[in-house]
């Protein structure tokens, strides 16, 4: 019985928190699931360009200083996004080849550190 309680507590303490995360000119909504994470990103670069992307990201092993990590690989383009949940519950987003979601004036606008809202 005690082992079951400890296992449940460990699972709860390592699972990602669902919710909204923000950075200057950006909003990330993240909903972790048992098979990955559903996400939506809306970001802007100054007032000239806007990025919108949503989908389901697959879980991948986290690095040492991360709680969780997911990858989104758009099969219809070269877009790849990595979502890394840090120990302090912030989410670092890194994208590559996602110009189709943004337009040329907003490339890189989705990247950065998002904090829990």
PDB file of N, CA and C in Angstrom:
ATOM      1  N   UNK A   1       0.823  -1.195   0.000  1.00  0.00           N
ATOM      2  CA  UNK A   1       0.000   0.000   0.000  1.00  0.00           C
ATOM      3  C   UNK A   1       0.867   1.259   0.000  1.00  0.00           C
ATOM      4  N   UNK A   2       1.896   1.267   0.861  1.00  0.00           N
ATOM      5  CA  UNK A   2       2.770   2.442   0.933  1.00  0.00           C
ATOM      6  C   UNK A   2       3.486   2.689  -0.389  1.00  0.00           C
ATOM      7  N   UNK A   3       3.921   1.615  -1.048  1.00  0.00           N
ATOM      8  CA  UNK A   3       4.603   1.747  -2.331  1.00  0.00           C
ATOM      9  C   UNK A   3       3.679   2.366  -3.368  1.00  0.00           C
ATOM     10  N   UNK A   4       2.413   1.988  -3.356  1.00  0.00           N
ATOM     11  CA  UNK A   4       1.439   2.545  -4.300  1.00  0.00           C
ATOM     12  C   UNK A   4       1.257   4.041  -4.073  1.00  0.00           C
ATOM     13  N   UNK A   5       1.178   4.440  -2.833  1.00  0.00           N
ATOM     14  CA  UNK A   5       1.008   5.865  -2.511  1.00  0.00           C
ATOM     15  C   UNK A   5       2.221   6.659  -2.955  1.00  0.00           C
ATOM     16  N   UNK A   6       3.425   6.140  -2.695  1.00  0.00           N
ATOM     17  CA  UNK A   6       4.642   6.850  -3.115  1.00  0.00           C
ATOM     18  C   UNK A   6       4.737   6.941  -4.631  1.00  0.00           C
ATOM     19  N   UNK A   7       4.360   5.868  -5.313  1.00  0.00           N
ATOM     20  CA  UNK A   7       4.389   5.875  -6.787  1.00  0.00           C
ATOM     21  C   UNK A   7       3.415   6.902  -7.331  1.00  0.00           C
ATOM     22  N   UNK A   8       2.224   6.981  -6.750  1.00  0.00           N
ATOM     23  CA  UNK A   8       1.237   7.971  -7.182  1.00  0.00           C
ATOM     24  C   UNK A   8       1.729   9.385  -6.918  1.00  0.00           C
ATOM     25  N   UNK A   9       2.327   9.621  -5.772  1.00  0.00           N
ATOM     26  CA  UNK A   9       2.858  10.949  -5.451  1.00  0.00           C
ATOM     27  C   UNK A   9       3.976  11.335  -6.415  1.00  0.00           C
ATOM     28  N   UNK A  10       4.831  10.400  -6.771  1.00  0.00           N
ATOM     29  CA  UNK A  10       5.916  10.680  -7.711  1.00  0.00           C
ATOM     30  C   UNK A  10       5.354  11.025  -9.082  1.00  0.00           C
ATOM     31  N   UNK A  11       4.327  10.309  -9.518  1.00  0.00           N
ATOM     32  CA  UNK A  11       3.709  10.580 -10.813  1.00  0.00           C
ATOM     33  C   UNK A  11       3.068  11.960 -10.833  1.00  0.00           C
ATOM     34  N   UNK A  12       2.344  12.315  -9.782  1.00  0.00           N
ATOM     35  CA  UNK A  12       1.693  13.620  -9.709  1.00  0.00           C
ATOM     36  C   UNK A  12       2.721  14.741  -9.680  1.00  0.00           C
ATOM     37  N   UNK A  13       3.816  14.570  -8.978  1.00  0.00           N
ATOM     38  CA  UNK A  13       4.806  15.637  -8.848  1.00  0.00           C
ATOM     39  C   UNK A  13       5.623  15.837 -10.114  1.00  0.00           C
ATOM     40  N   UNK A  14       5.687  14.826 -10.999  1.00  0.00           N
ATOM     41  CA  UNK A  14       6.475  14.984 -12.217  1.00  0.00           C
ATOM     42  C   UNK A  14       5.635  15.315 -13.437  1.00  0.00           C
ATOM     43  N   UNK A  15       4.317  15.242 -13.337  1.00  0.00           N
ATOM     44  CA  UNK A  15       3.490  15.527 -14.502  1.00  0.00           C
ATOM     45  C   UNK A  15       3.410  17.036 -14.723  1.00  0.00           C
ATOM     46  N   UNK A  16       3.272  17.399 -15.978  1.00  0.00           N
ATOM     47  CA  UNK A  16       3.218  18.811 -16.349  1.00  0.00           C
ATOM     48  C   UNK A  16       1.887  19.419 -15.932  1.00  0.00           C
ATOM     49  N   UNK A  17       1.921  20.689 -15.683  1.00  0.00           N
ATOM     50  CA  UNK A  17       0.707  21.411 -15.357  1.00  0.00           C
ATOM     51  C   UNK A  17       0.060  21.924 -16.633  1.00  0.00           C
ATOM     52  N   UNK A  18      -1.214  21.628 -16.796  1.00  0.00           N
ATOM     53  CA  UNK A  18      -1.949  22.155 -17.937  1.00  0.00           C
ATOM     54  C   UNK A  18      -2.238  23.625 -17.672  1.00  0.00           C
ATOM     55  N   UNK A  19      -2.282  24.402 -18.733  1.00  0.00           N
ATOM     56  CA  UNK A  19      -2.645  25.787 -18.548  1.00  0.00           C
ATOM     57  C   UNK A  19      -2.094  26.692 -19.612  1.00  0.00           C
ATOM     58  N   UNK A  20      -2.113  27.983 -19.296  1.00  0.00           N
ATOM     59  CA  UNK A  20      -1.624  29.006 -20.205  1.00  0.00           C
ATOM     60  C   UNK A  20      -0.296  29.541 -19.719  1.00  0.00           C
ATOM     61  N   UNK A  21       0.600  29.734 -20.663  1.00  0.00           N
ATOM     62  CA  UNK A  21       1.936  30.249 -20.390  1.00  0.00           C
ATOM     63  C   UNK A  21       2.147  31.459 -21.293  1.00  0.00           C
ATOM     64  N   UNK A  22       2.832  32.477 -20.776  1.00  0.00           N
ATOM     65  CA  UNK A  22       3.000  33.712 -21.541  1.00  0.00           C
ATOM     66  C   UNK A  22       4.462  34.141 -21.602  1.00  0.00           C
ATOM     67  N   UNK A  23       4.749  34.902 -22.636  1.00  0.00           N
ATOM     68  CA  UNK A  23       6.014  35.618 -22.792  1.00  0.00           C
ATOM     69  C   UNK A  23       5.640  36.913 -23.496  1.00  0.00           C
ATOM     70  N   UNK A  24       6.538  37.882 -23.561  1.00  0.00           N
ATOM     71  CA  UNK A  24       6.189  39.105 -24.293  1.00  0.00           C
ATOM     72  C   UNK A  24       5.758  38.756 -25.728  1.00  0.00           C
ATOM     73  N   UNK A  25       4.599  39.195 -26.096  1.00  0.00           N
ATOM     74  CA  UNK A  25       4.026  38.972 -27.431  1.00  0.00           C
ATOM     75  C   UNK A  25       3.743  37.510 -27.748  1.00  0.00           C
ATOM     76  N   UNK A  26       3.501  36.681 -26.717  1.00  0.00           N
ATOM     77  CA  UNK A  26       3.221  35.280 -26.990  1.00  0.00           C
ATOM     78  C   UNK A  26       2.360  34.605 -25.941  1.00  0.00           C
ATOM     79  N   UNK A  27       1.525  33.671 -26.380  1.00  0.00           N
ATOM     80  CA  UNK A  27       0.677  32.881 -25.491  1.00  0.00           C
ATOM     81  C   UNK A  27       0.759  31.420 -25.929  1.00  0.00           C
ATOM     82  N   UNK A  28       1.049  30.529 -24.987  1.00  0.00           N
ATOM     83  CA  UNK A  28       1.109  29.090 -25.206  1.00  0.00           C
ATOM     84  C   UNK A  28       0.068  28.437 -24.313  1.00  0.00           C
ATOM     85  N   UNK A  29      -0.789  27.628 -24.906  1.00  0.00           N
ATOM     86  CA  UNK A  29      -1.728  26.815 -24.140  1.00  0.00           C
ATOM     87  C   UNK A  29      -1.254  25.375 -24.266  1.00  0.00           C
ATOM     88  N   UNK A  30      -1.101  24.708 -23.134  1.00  0.00           N
ATOM     89  CA  UNK A  30      -0.557  23.354 -23.109  1.00  0.00           C
ATOM     90  C   UNK A  30      -1.464  22.451 -22.294  1.00  0.00           C
ATOM     91  N   UNK A  31      -1.840  21.312 -22.881  1.00  0.00           N
ATOM     92  CA  UNK A  31      -2.679  20.334 -22.204  1.00  0.00           C
ATOM     93  C   UNK A  31      -2.003  18.964 -22.294  1.00  0.00           C
ATOM     94  N   UNK A  32      -1.187  18.611 -21.288  1.00  0.00           N
ATOM     95  CA  UNK A  32      -0.530  17.293 -21.316  1.00  0.00           C
ATOM     96  C   UNK A  32      -1.557  16.163 -21.272  1.00  0.00           C
ATOM     97  N   UNK A  33      -1.254  15.103 -21.992  1.00  0.00           N
ATOM     98  CA  UNK A  33      -2.077  13.910 -22.033  1.00  0.00           C
ATOM     99  C   UNK A  33      -1.153  12.709 -21.814  1.00  0.00           C
ATOM    100  N   UNK A  34      -1.727  11.541 -21.606  1.00  0.00           N
ATOM    101  CA  UNK A  34      -0.895  10.353 -21.364  1.00  0.00           C
ATOM    102  C   UNK A  34      -0.039  10.000 -22.576  1.00  0.00           C
ATOM    103  N   UNK A  35      -0.469  10.404 -23.776  1.00  0.00           N
ATOM    104  CA  UNK A  35       0.268  10.062 -24.991  1.00  0.00           C
ATOM    105  C   UNK A  35       0.949  11.268 -25.642  1.00  0.00           C
ATOM    106  N   UNK A  36       1.091  12.367 -24.906  1.00  0.00           N
ATOM    107  CA  UNK A  36       1.736  13.565 -25.448  1.00  0.00           C
ATOM    108  C   UNK A  36       1.153  14.826 -24.852  1.00  0.00           C
ATOM    109  N   UNK A  37       1.099  15.872 -25.671  1.00  0.00           N
ATOM    110  CA  UNK A  37       0.563  17.145 -25.198  1.00  0.00           C
ATOM    111  C   UNK A  37      -0.109  17.872 -26.357  1.00  0.00           C
ATOM    112  N   UNK A  38      -1.287  18.375 -26.096  1.00  0.00           N
ATOM    113  CA  UNK A  38      -2.004  19.205 -27.058  1.00  0.00           C
ATOM    114  C   UNK A  38      -1.573  20.644 -26.793  1.00  0.00           C
ATOM    115  N   UNK A  39      -1.279  21.405 -27.853  1.00  0.00           N
ATOM    116  CA  UNK A  39      -0.781  22.760 -27.670  1.00  0.00           C
ATOM    117  C   UNK A  39      -1.385  23.731 -28.684  1.00  0.00           C
ATOM    118  N   UNK A  40      -1.282  24.987 -28.339  1.00  0.00           N
ATOM    119  CA  UNK A  40      -1.651  26.085 -29.226  1.00  0.00           C
ATOM    120  C   UNK A  40      -0.731  27.253 -28.904  1.00  0.00           C
ATOM    121  N   UNK A  41      -0.130  27.838 -29.944  1.00  0.00           N
ATOM    122  CA  UNK A  41       0.754  28.990 -29.755  1.00  0.00           C
ATOM    123  C   UNK A  41       0.240  30.139 -30.619  1.00  0.00           C
ATOM    124  N   UNK A  42       0.162  31.306 -30.020  1.00  0.00           N
ATOM    125  CA  UNK A  42      -0.119  32.551 -30.733  1.00  0.00           C
ATOM    126  C   UNK A  42       0.973  33.522 -30.327  1.00  0.00           C
ATOM    127  N   UNK A  43       1.728  33.991 -31.307  1.00  0.00           N
ATOM    128  CA  UNK A  43       2.843  34.891 -31.008  1.00  0.00           C
ATOM    129  C   UNK A  43       2.958  35.939 -32.100  1.00  0.00           C
ATOM    130  N   UNK A  44       3.560  37.054 -31.756  1.00  0.00           N
ATOM    131  CA  UNK A  44       3.748  38.144 -32.712  1.00  0.00           C
ATOM    132  C   UNK A  44       5.167  38.668 -32.619  1.00  0.00           C
ATOM    133  N   UNK A  45       5.621  39.222 -33.711  1.00  0.00           N
ATOM    134  CA  UNK A  45       6.918  39.889 -33.733  1.00  0.00           C
ATOM    135  C   UNK A  45       6.644  41.350 -34.033  1.00  0.00           C
ATOM    136  N   UNK A  46       6.842  42.212 -33.046  1.00  0.00           N
ATOM    137  CA  UNK A  46       6.438  43.620 -33.142  1.00  0.00           C
ATOM    138  C   UNK A  46       4.972  43.661 -33.560  1.00  0.00           C
ATOM    139  N   UNK A  47       4.632  44.520 -34.468  1.00  0.00           N
ATOM    140  CA  UNK A  47       3.248  44.579 -34.946  1.00  0.00           C
ATOM    141  C   UNK A  47       3.153  44.089 -36.381  1.00  0.00           C
ATOM    142  N   UNK A  48       4.268  43.608 -36.921  1.00  0.00           N
ATOM    143  CA  UNK A  48       4.306  43.299 -38.342  1.00  0.00           C
ATOM    144  C   UNK A  48       3.956  41.858 -38.710  1.00  0.00           C
ATOM    145  N   UNK A  49       4.063  40.929 -37.794  1.00  0.00           N
ATOM    146  CA  UNK A  49       3.803  39.541 -38.154  1.00  0.00           C
ATOM    147  C   UNK A  49       3.237  38.747 -37.008  1.00  0.00           C
ATOM    148  N   UNK A  50       2.399  37.776 -37.334  1.00  0.00           N
ATOM    149  CA  UNK A  50       1.746  36.952 -36.334  1.00  0.00           C
ATOM    150  C   UNK A  50       1.965  35.482 -36.679  1.00  0.00           C
ATOM    151  N   UNK A  51       2.139  34.657 -35.630  1.00  0.00           N
ATOM    152  CA  UNK A  51       2.277  33.205 -35.793  1.00  0.00           C
ATOM    153  C   UNK A  51       1.143  32.521 -35.044  1.00  0.00           C
ATOM    154  N   UNK A  52       0.585  31.495 -35.654  1.00  0.00           N
ATOM    155  CA  UNK A  52      -0.431  30.666 -35.018  1.00  0.00           C
ATOM    156  C   UNK A  52      -0.149  29.222 -35.376  1.00  0.00           C
ATOM    157  N   UNK A  53      -0.020  28.387 -34.351  1.00  0.00           N
ATOM    158  CA  UNK A  53       0.238  26.972 -34.585  1.00  0.00           C
ATOM    159  C   UNK A  53      -0.436  26.177 -33.481  1.00  0.00           C
ATOM    160  N   UNK A  54      -0.995  25.039 -33.844  1.00  0.00           N
ATOM    161  CA  UNK A  54      -1.585  24.146 -32.846  1.00  0.00           C
ATOM    162  C   UNK A  54      -1.436  22.716 -33.322  1.00  0.00           C
ATOM    163  N   UNK A  55      -1.501  21.807 -32.371  1.00  0.00           N
ATOM    164  CA  UNK A  55      -1.371  20.407 -32.730  1.00  0.00           C
ATOM    165  C   UNK A  55      -1.137  19.536 -31.518  1.00  0.00           C
ATOM    166  N   UNK A  56      -0.662  18.337 -31.772  1.00  0.00           N
ATOM    167  CA  UNK A  56      -0.332  17.371 -30.733  1.00  0.00           C
ATOM    168  C   UNK A  56       1.146  17.048 -30.809  1.00  0.00           C
ATOM    169  N   UNK A  57       1.817  17.149 -29.686  1.00  0.00           N
ATOM    170  CA  UNK A  57       3.246  16.877 -29.608  1.00  0.00           C
ATOM    171  C   UNK A  57       3.473  15.539 -28.902  1.00  0.00           C
ATOM    172  N   UNK A  58       4.441  14.793 -29.395  1.00  0.00           N
ATOM    173  CA  UNK A  58       4.786  13.484 -28.842  1.00  0.00           C
ATOM    174  C   UNK A  58       5.795  13.638 -27.707  1.00  0.00           C
ATOM    175  N   UNK A  59       5.706  12.811 -26.665  1.00  0.00           N
ATOM    176  CA  UNK A  59       6.691  12.888 -25.582  1.00  0.00           C
ATOM    177  C   UNK A  59       8.047  12.346 -26.027  1.00  0.00           C
ATOM    178  N   UNK A  60       9.105  12.996 -25.559  1.00  0.00           N
ATOM    179  CA  UNK A  60      10.476  12.519 -25.753  1.00  0.00           C
ATOM    180  C   UNK A  60      11.185  12.633 -24.410  1.00  0.00           C
ATOM    181  N   UNK A  61      12.281  11.908 -24.205  1.00  0.00           N
ATOM    182  CA  UNK A  61      12.963  11.953 -22.900  1.00  0.00           C
ATOM    183  C   UNK A  61      13.471  13.364 -22.575  1.00  0.00           C
ATOM    184  N   UNK A  62      13.226  13.834 -21.361  1.00  0.00           N
ATOM    185  CA  UNK A  62      13.728  15.148 -20.961  1.00  0.00           C
ATOM    186  C   UNK A  62      15.216  15.123 -20.658  1.00  0.00           C
ATOM    187  N   UNK A  63      15.848  16.295 -20.737  1.00  0.00           N
ATOM    188  CA  UNK A  63      17.238  16.440 -20.305  1.00  0.00           C
ATOM    189  C   UNK A  63      17.279  16.493 -18.787  1.00  0.00           C
ATOM    190  N   UNK A  64      18.474  16.547 -18.224  1.00  0.00           N
ATOM    191  CA  UNK A  64      18.636  16.507 -16.766  1.00  0.00           C
ATOM    192  C   UNK A  64      17.888  17.612 -16.034  1.00  0.00           C
ATOM    193  N   UNK A  65      17.852  18.809 -16.568  1.00  0.00           N
ATOM    194  CA  UNK A  65      17.232  19.929 -15.860  1.00  0.00           C
ATOM    195  C   UNK A  65      15.811  20.201 -16.334  1.00  0.00           C
ATOM    196  N   UNK A  66      15.162  19.184 -16.893  1.00  0.00           N
ATOM    197  CA  UNK A  66      13.801  19.327 -17.389  1.00  0.00           C
ATOM    198  C   UNK A  66      12.882  18.314 -16.726  1.00  0.00           C
ATOM    199  N   UNK A  67      11.624  18.687 -16.597  1.00  0.00           N
ATOM    200  CA  UNK A  67      10.611  17.781 -16.059  1.00  0.00           C
ATOM    201  C   UNK A  67      10.010  16.927 -17.180  1.00  0.00           C
ATOM    202  N   UNK A  68       9.685  17.566 -18.309  1.00  0.00           N
ATOM    203  CA  UNK A  68       9.051  16.900 -19.440  1.00  0.00           C
ATOM    204  C   UNK A  68       9.530  17.548 -20.724  1.00  0.00           C
ATOM    205  N   UNK A  69       9.353  16.812 -21.829  1.00  0.00           N
ATOM    206  CA  UNK A  69       9.701  17.382 -23.129  1.00  0.00           C
ATOM    207  C   UNK A  69       8.851  16.693 -24.198  1.00  0.00           C
ATOM    208  N   UNK A  70       8.385  17.502 -25.156  1.00  0.00           N
ATOM    209  CA  UNK A  70       7.560  17.000 -26.244  1.00  0.00           C
ATOM    210  C   UNK A  70       8.074  17.576 -27.554  1.00  0.00           C
ATOM    211  N   UNK A  71       7.804  16.857 -28.659  1.00  0.00           N
ATOM    212  CA  UNK A  71       8.197  17.344 -29.975  1.00  0.00           C
ATOM    213  C   UNK A  71       6.986  17.284 -30.908  1.00  0.00           C
ATOM    214  N   UNK A  72       6.814  18.343 -31.695  1.00  0.00           N
ATOM    215  CA  UNK A  72       5.792  18.406 -32.735  1.00  0.00           C
ATOM    216  C   UNK A  72       6.519  18.368 -34.066  1.00  0.00           C
ATOM    217  N   UNK A  73       6.170  17.409 -34.898  1.00  0.00           N
ATOM    218  CA  UNK A  73       6.791  17.256 -36.207  1.00  0.00           C
ATOM    219  C   UNK A  73       5.677  17.267 -37.242  1.00  0.00           C
ATOM    220  N   UNK A  74       5.533  18.392 -37.950  1.00  0.00           N
ATOM    221  CA  UNK A  74       4.492  18.539 -38.953  1.00  0.00           C
ATOM    222  C   UNK A  74       4.899  17.752 -40.196  1.00  0.00           C
ATOM    223  N   UNK A  75       4.186  16.692 -40.482  1.00  0.00           N
ATOM    224  CA  UNK A  75       4.502  15.822 -41.611  1.00  0.00           C
ATOM    225  C   UNK A  75       4.277  16.488 -42.966  1.00  0.00           C
ATOM    226  N   UNK A  76       3.471  17.562 -43.012  1.00  0.00           N
ATOM    227  CA  UNK A  76       3.178  18.225 -44.279  1.00  0.00           C
ATOM    228  C   UNK A  76       4.149  19.367 -44.587  1.00  0.00           C
ATOM    229  N   UNK A  77       5.058  19.661 -43.679  1.00  0.00           N
ATOM    230  CA  UNK A  77       6.060  20.710 -43.908  1.00  0.00           C
ATOM    231  C   UNK A  77       7.346  20.306 -43.181  1.00  0.00           C
ATOM    232  N   UNK A  78       8.301  21.215 -43.141  1.00  0.00           N
ATOM    233  CA  UNK A  78       9.554  20.942 -42.439  1.00  0.00           C
ATOM    234  C   UNK A  78       9.520  21.447 -41.005  1.00  0.00           C
ATOM    235  N   UNK A  79       8.368  21.884 -40.538  1.00  0.00           N
ATOM    236  CA  UNK A  79       8.246  22.480 -39.206  1.00  0.00           C
ATOM    237  C   UNK A  79       8.432  21.445 -38.101  1.00  0.00           C
ATOM    238  N   UNK A  80       9.272  21.821 -37.129  1.00  0.00           N
ATOM    239  CA  UNK A  80       9.473  21.023 -35.925  1.00  0.00           C
ATOM    240  C   UNK A  80       9.520  21.974 -34.737  1.00  0.00           C
ATOM    241  N   UNK A  81       8.820  21.612 -33.676  1.00  0.00           N
ATOM    242  CA  UNK A  81       8.813  22.420 -32.460  1.00  0.00           C
ATOM    243  C   UNK A  81       9.086  21.515 -31.263  1.00  0.00           C
ATOM    244  N   UNK A  82       9.927  21.991 -30.353  1.00  0.00           N
ATOM    245  CA  UNK A  82      10.238  21.258 -29.124  1.00  0.00           C
ATOM    246  C   UNK A  82       9.757  22.093 -27.946  1.00  0.00           C
ATOM    247  N   UNK A  83       9.007  21.456 -27.065  1.00  0.00           N
ATOM    248  CA  UNK A  83       8.474  22.080 -25.856  1.00  0.00           C
ATOM    249  C   UNK A  83       9.163  21.422 -24.672  1.00  0.00           C
ATOM    250  N   UNK A  84       9.928  22.192 -23.913  1.00  0.00           N
ATOM    251  CA  UNK A  84      10.683  21.664 -22.774  1.00  0.00           C
ATOM    252  C   UNK A  84      10.173  22.293 -21.495  1.00  0.00           C
ATOM    253  N   UNK A  85       9.615  21.459 -20.606  1.00  0.00           N
ATOM    254  CA  UNK A  85       9.167  21.957 -19.307  1.00  0.00           C
ATOM    255  C   UNK A  85      10.348  21.896 -18.350  1.00  0.00           C
ATOM    256  N   UNK A  86      10.757  23.047 -17.853  1.00  0.00           N
ATOM    257  CA  UNK A  86      11.880  23.138 -16.921  1.00  0.00           C
ATOM    258  C   UNK A  86      11.437  22.802 -15.505  1.00  0.00           C
ATOM    259  N   UNK A  87      12.381  22.597 -14.620  1.00  0.00           N
ATOM    260  CA  UNK A  87      12.071  22.260 -13.227  1.00  0.00           C
ATOM    261  C   UNK A  87      11.255  23.344 -12.536  1.00  0.00           C
ATOM    262  N   UNK A  88      11.400  24.596 -12.966  1.00  0.00           N
ATOM    263  CA  UNK A  88      10.645  25.693 -12.351  1.00  0.00           C
ATOM    264  C   UNK A  88       9.271  25.886 -12.998  1.00  0.00           C
ATOM    265  N   UNK A  89       8.852  24.918 -13.811  1.00  0.00           N
ATOM    266  CA  UNK A  89       7.540  24.889 -14.475  1.00  0.00           C
ATOM    267  C   UNK A  89       7.397  25.905 -15.606  1.00  0.00           C
ATOM    268  N   UNK A  90       8.488  26.506 -16.054  1.00  0.00           N
ATOM    269  CA  UNK A  90       8.442  27.324 -17.261  1.00  0.00           C
ATOM    270  C   UNK A  90       8.569  26.392 -18.464  1.00  0.00           C
ATOM    271  N   UNK A  91       8.149  26.877 -19.619  1.00  0.00           N
ATOM    272  CA  UNK A  91       8.215  26.079 -20.845  1.00  0.00           C
ATOM    273  C   UNK A  91       9.088  26.807 -21.851  1.00  0.00           C
ATOM    274  N   UNK A  92      10.116  26.137 -22.327  1.00  0.00           N
ATOM    275  CA  UNK A  92      10.972  26.695 -23.368  1.00  0.00           C
ATOM    276  C   UNK A  92      10.522  26.109 -24.708  1.00  0.00           C
ATOM    277  N   UNK A  93      10.256  26.981 -25.677  1.00  0.00           N
ATOM    278  CA  UNK A  93       9.817  26.551 -27.000  1.00  0.00           C
ATOM    279  C   UNK A  93      10.907  26.885 -28.009  1.00  0.00           C
ATOM    280  N   UNK A  94      11.260  25.895 -28.829  1.00  0.00           N
ATOM    281  CA  UNK A  94      12.229  26.072 -29.903  1.00  0.00           C
ATOM    282  C   UNK A  94      11.602  25.530 -31.177  1.00  0.00           C
ATOM    283  N   UNK A  95      11.587  26.355 -32.224  1.00  0.00           N
ATOM    284  CA  UNK A  95      11.012  25.920 -33.493  1.00  0.00           C
ATOM    285  C   UNK A  95      12.066  25.966 -34.596  1.00  0.00           C
ATOM    286  N   UNK A  96      11.803  25.176 -35.648  1.00  0.00           N
ATOM    287  CA  UNK A  96      12.683  25.180 -36.812  1.00  0.00           C
ATOM    288  C   UNK A  96      11.839  24.878 -38.044  1.00  0.00           C
ATOM    289  N   UNK A  97      11.980  25.707 -39.070  1.00  0.00           N
ATOM    290  CA  UNK A  97      11.271  25.481 -40.324  1.00  0.00           C
ATOM    291  C   UNK A  97       9.778  25.736 -40.264  1.00  0.00           C
ATOM    292  N   UNK A  98       9.324  26.592 -39.373  1.00  0.00           N
ATOM    293  CA  UNK A  98       7.889  26.829 -39.188  1.00  0.00           C
ATOM    294  C   UNK A  98       7.406  28.115 -39.844  1.00  0.00           C
ATOM    295  N   UNK A  99       8.072  28.556 -40.894  1.00  0.00           N
ATOM    296  CA  UNK A  99       7.716  29.794 -41.567  1.00  0.00           C
ATOM    297  C   UNK A  99       6.272  29.795 -42.069  1.00  0.00           C
ATOM    298  N   UNK A 100       5.754  28.641 -42.460  1.00  0.00           N
ATOM    299  CA  UNK A 100       4.393  28.552 -42.985  1.00  0.00           C
ATOM    300  C   UNK A 100       3.346  28.937 -41.941  1.00  0.00           C
ATOM    301  N   UNK A 101       3.695  28.839 -40.676  1.00  0.00           N
ATOM    302  CA  UNK A 101       2.770  29.208 -39.609  1.00  0.00           C
ATOM    303  C   UNK A 101       2.864  30.691 -39.261  1.00  0.00           C
ATOM    304  N   UNK A 102       3.879  31.372 -39.790  1.00  0.00           N
ATOM    305  CA  UNK A 102       4.141  32.737 -39.373  1.00  0.00           C
ATOM    306  C   UNK A 102       4.177  33.750 -40.502  1.00  0.00           C
ATOM    307  N   UNK A 103       4.770  33.433 -41.563  1.00  0.00           N
ATOM    308  CA  UNK A 103       5.115  34.453 -42.536  1.00  0.00           C
ATOM    309  C   UNK A 103       6.526  34.934 -42.238  1.00  0.00           C
ATOM    310  N   UNK A 104       7.192  35.446 -43.232  1.00  0.00           N
ATOM    311  CA  UNK A 104       8.612  35.798 -43.119  1.00  0.00           C
ATOM    312  C   UNK A 104       8.905  36.860 -42.060  1.00  0.00           C
ATOM    313  N   UNK A 105       7.971  37.758 -41.812  1.00  0.00           N
ATOM    314  CA  UNK A 105       8.257  38.843 -40.866  1.00  0.00           C
ATOM    315  C   UNK A 105       8.159  38.413 -39.405  1.00  0.00           C
ATOM    316  N   UNK A 106       7.715  37.192 -39.144  1.00  0.00           N
ATOM    317  CA  UNK A 106       7.548  36.752 -37.758  1.00  0.00           C
ATOM    318  C   UNK A 106       8.327  35.477 -37.441  1.00  0.00           C
ATOM    319  N   UNK A 107       9.289  35.116 -38.270  1.00  0.00           N
ATOM    320  CA  UNK A 107      10.078  33.912 -38.020  1.00  0.00           C
ATOM    321  C   UNK A 107      10.754  34.008 -36.653  1.00  0.00           C
ATOM    322  N   UNK A 108      10.604  32.973 -35.862  1.00  0.00           N
ATOM    323  CA  UNK A 108      11.209  32.936 -34.533  1.00  0.00           C
ATOM    324  C   UNK A 108      10.350  33.533 -33.431  1.00  0.00           C
ATOM    325  N   UNK A 109       9.187  34.088 -33.777  1.00  0.00           N
ATOM    326  CA  UNK A 109       8.346  34.738 -32.769  1.00  0.00           C
ATOM    327  C   UNK A 109       7.798  33.759 -31.736  1.00  0.00           C
ATOM    328  N   UNK A 110       7.643  32.496 -32.105  1.00  0.00           N
ATOM    329  CA  UNK A 110       7.111  31.511 -31.158  1.00  0.00           C
ATOM    330  C   UNK A 110       8.170  31.026 -30.179  1.00  0.00           C
ATOM    331  N   UNK A 111       9.440  31.159 -30.534  1.00  0.00           N
ATOM    332  CA  UNK A 111      10.526  30.682 -29.689  1.00  0.00           C
ATOM    333  C   UNK A 111      10.659  31.507 -28.415  1.00  0.00           C
ATOM    334  N   UNK A 112      11.087  30.859 -27.353  1.00  0.00           N
ATOM    335  CA  UNK A 112      11.383  31.594 -26.126  1.00  0.00           C
ATOM    336  C   UNK A 112      10.875  30.876 -24.883  1.00  0.00           C
ATOM    337  N   UNK A 113      11.021  31.575 -23.772  1.00  0.00           N
ATOM    338  CA  UNK A 113      10.645  31.050 -22.469  1.00  0.00           C
ATOM    339  C   UNK A 113       9.262  31.572 -22.074  1.00  0.00           C
ATOM    340  N   UNK A 114       8.336  30.661 -21.842  1.00  0.00           N
ATOM    341  CA  UNK A 114       6.974  30.984 -21.465  1.00  0.00           C
ATOM    342  C   UNK A 114       6.806  30.681 -19.982  1.00  0.00           C
ATOM    343  N   UNK A 115       6.206  31.615 -19.262  1.00  0.00           N
ATOM    344  CA  UNK A 115       5.972  31.442 -17.824  1.00  0.00           C
ATOM    345  C   UNK A 115       4.507  31.191 -17.574  1.00  0.00           C
ATOM    346  N   UNK A 116       4.211  30.426 -16.518  1.00  0.00           N
ATOM    347  CA  UNK A 116       2.828  30.126 -16.156  1.00  0.00           C
ATOM    348  C   UNK A 116       2.080  31.422 -15.897  1.00  0.00           C
ATOM    349  N   UNK A 117       0.923  31.536 -16.509  1.00  0.00           N
ATOM    350  CA  UNK A 117       0.122  32.760 -16.433  1.00  0.00           C
ATOM    351  C   UNK A 117      -0.469  32.975 -15.062  1.00  0.00           C
TER     352      UNK A 117
END
